[in-house]
Amino acid sequence: MFAKKKHDIPEENIKVEQEYKSVHETPLICLFDLDESVLQSFKENSYNCSIGSLGKLVRVPNDRIKSEHFLKLNYSQPANIHEHDILVFNMDFYQKEDYEDSQVCLDDVTGQSVYALLSVFPEKIFNPRAYATWFLSKEVNNILNKESIVIIFASRQEIVTYQQVEITSHQNKIVKQTDFTNTAFYSDFPDCYNKTGKKMRSPDTEAILTPLLLKYADDSSYELTFSHPTYWNSKEGKQMKYDNFIPLLLNNDNEVISFCHIHSEGTVFVFPCINNKESFLLELFNNHLSALFPNLFPFHGQFGWLDNGDYPLPGEVKLSDSRKNIEKRYINDIDTNNKAIASLKIQYSFLRDLISESGDKLVSAVEYYLKWLEFPSVVNLDETNPDVLEEDIQVDYEDKFLVIEIKGIGGTSTDKDCSQISKIRYRRAEQRNKFDVYGLYIVNHQRYVSPNSRSNPPFSDNQIKDALLDKRGLLTTYDLYKAYFLIEDEVLSKSEVRDSLFEFGLVELKPKNLISLGIPQEYFSSGTIAIINLESMNLKIGMNLYIRKNDQYSKVNIVSLRVNDRDVDEINTGEVGIKFDRSIKSRSELFVKQV
């Protein structure tokens, strides 16, 4: 079965290949619905493999004219499957084949009746795999009664209803209707339900195979979560978790997405939908299963006893001790780093709250931000006067008075949300008997979505026009968040941001009064030098330029200027090479700030 065809290899090389590519007798492995490349890789590693399938989906030509068709299961398995040591099932298999009239053949029938499965309109795709799984579960249960391994790459759970038809000379009659699930591989398969995701993590108690699974997790996903089986402990008077069920991976909700289940004398491993199954399985078999189950792998053991420390090489003990010290320092450094990150999250929690929170937490975050901007008078009315359901914050600044309404919402703002601050502004102007009152609406919109993926800005053209006419401002908390870093990088100043909050319409916290120098067409020295043509624009060494890329701003300093292979201190017209104090990305636009 596994030997290459003679026309593929010169005849004189056949004996050589057979000598070096001999197949080990045990373990005997059956791969169900895995790619041909997996079979070839196992063959090259001298594993004794056979193949099987739970069946392909069938395209059935059901329509209103011919509304039903008879089918048989199209699964396949080795005749000696009971002799196998390891079974590997790939649930993530959805290949289709066309229906053939010969699926149910009556030519060679013996006896008075024959049975088939019925597919009825409007069903267009017949799924035989759940029924085949149930059929095969009897063999799996028997195999698990000896030392054996069953591996399942879990995909979504499906419950399929099958109608069994008895075909006789007199009539065709439905004699049985049964529901089967594609997860019933063996008795006591744990309860599970569909849930899809990509984030995977280690349980609190890491299992041996967890690091291997995490290694392949980045390019993979899970589609099922599993309940840890429990039993009633009469002594403790409560439900207890079975010890023979070992979680290997959890998702972000602490639900089991991969496990090891010691069942009878055998062991079941259920893994998520790992994308690179070929590499994963080879590493699993060669480096892990051969060590965990030496009786099943008499020819593939990795001689783990050579590396358990009992038989060291000269100098190995010293190096091992050194490694332990390195690992200890690493753990301490990581712990220190994690504590520093945790401290930062506390110190700058107002920035996180700006883009995630609503209600009092969001108002407090904006209050903290305004005080950081060095407004001399910021009053949080939610704290000082909680019974007044009007503006959230008042800012008294020089000859201007700002009233601010703040909302955290799951979607975007209605016209009423945007304009509500106008009524408050007019009321405050009457109370003060002054026309120095400004209104600002600040929203943390679509707050359950990552800020970069939100609608930015979240205001319609009409909402912005109305705000301009009504002389009030519209602003997002995400803009405040971004402005914080622009201020830290000295792209903006606090005074510029303070003044911007009194603008009308859509408030944009970006550098203003910028004159474009254009986009450089040539870059050198990893982006630290750019060539640009100037038209009556004066540049000097030491001058700051503003950079815009994907609507993000930064600032660089001019280190040197070069014209016609000659260094100059200043230039205002012509082609010039500009060297910056750091690299800039290609296709970035350069600006000079007009004073």
Foldseek 3Di string as FASTA:
>chain_A
DPQDDCVVDPPVCRVVCCVVQAADPFQEEEEEQDDPVLVVLCSSVRYHYDYWYLAEKEFEPADPVRFKDWAAGPTGDDPVLLSHFEYEEEPPHHHYDYDDNVRPDPPPDDDFKDKTKMDGPPDGIHDRNQVSLVVQQVSVQSSLQAAHEYEYADAAKDKDKIFMWIDGPVDIHGDDIDIGINQPNYPPRFDKHFDKDQAKDADPDADPCLVLLVVQSNQFMATMFGDQDWDQDVVVRGIDGDPQKAAHMAGPVRTGRWIWHNDNNYIYTYHYGRPCVSVSVVCCVQPPPCCVPVVRCVPRRPPVVCVPPPPDDVPRVVVVVVVVVVVVVVVVVVVVVVVVVVVVCVVLVLLVCQQAHFDPSNLVSVQVLVVVLVQPDKDQCCPVPVVDPAFGIWGDHDQAIETEHEGEELAADDLCLLCRQLVVQVVVCVVVVHPRYAYEYEYNHNSVDDVVPHPVPRDDPVSLVVQQVSQYEYYYSVQSSLLVVCCVLVQDPSVQVVVQNNGTGYRHSGDPQKDWQFFFPDADDQQQKGKGFADQAKDFAQAKKWKADPNRIHIWGFHWKDDPNHTDGMDHGGIIMTGTPDGDDHRIIIIHHDD
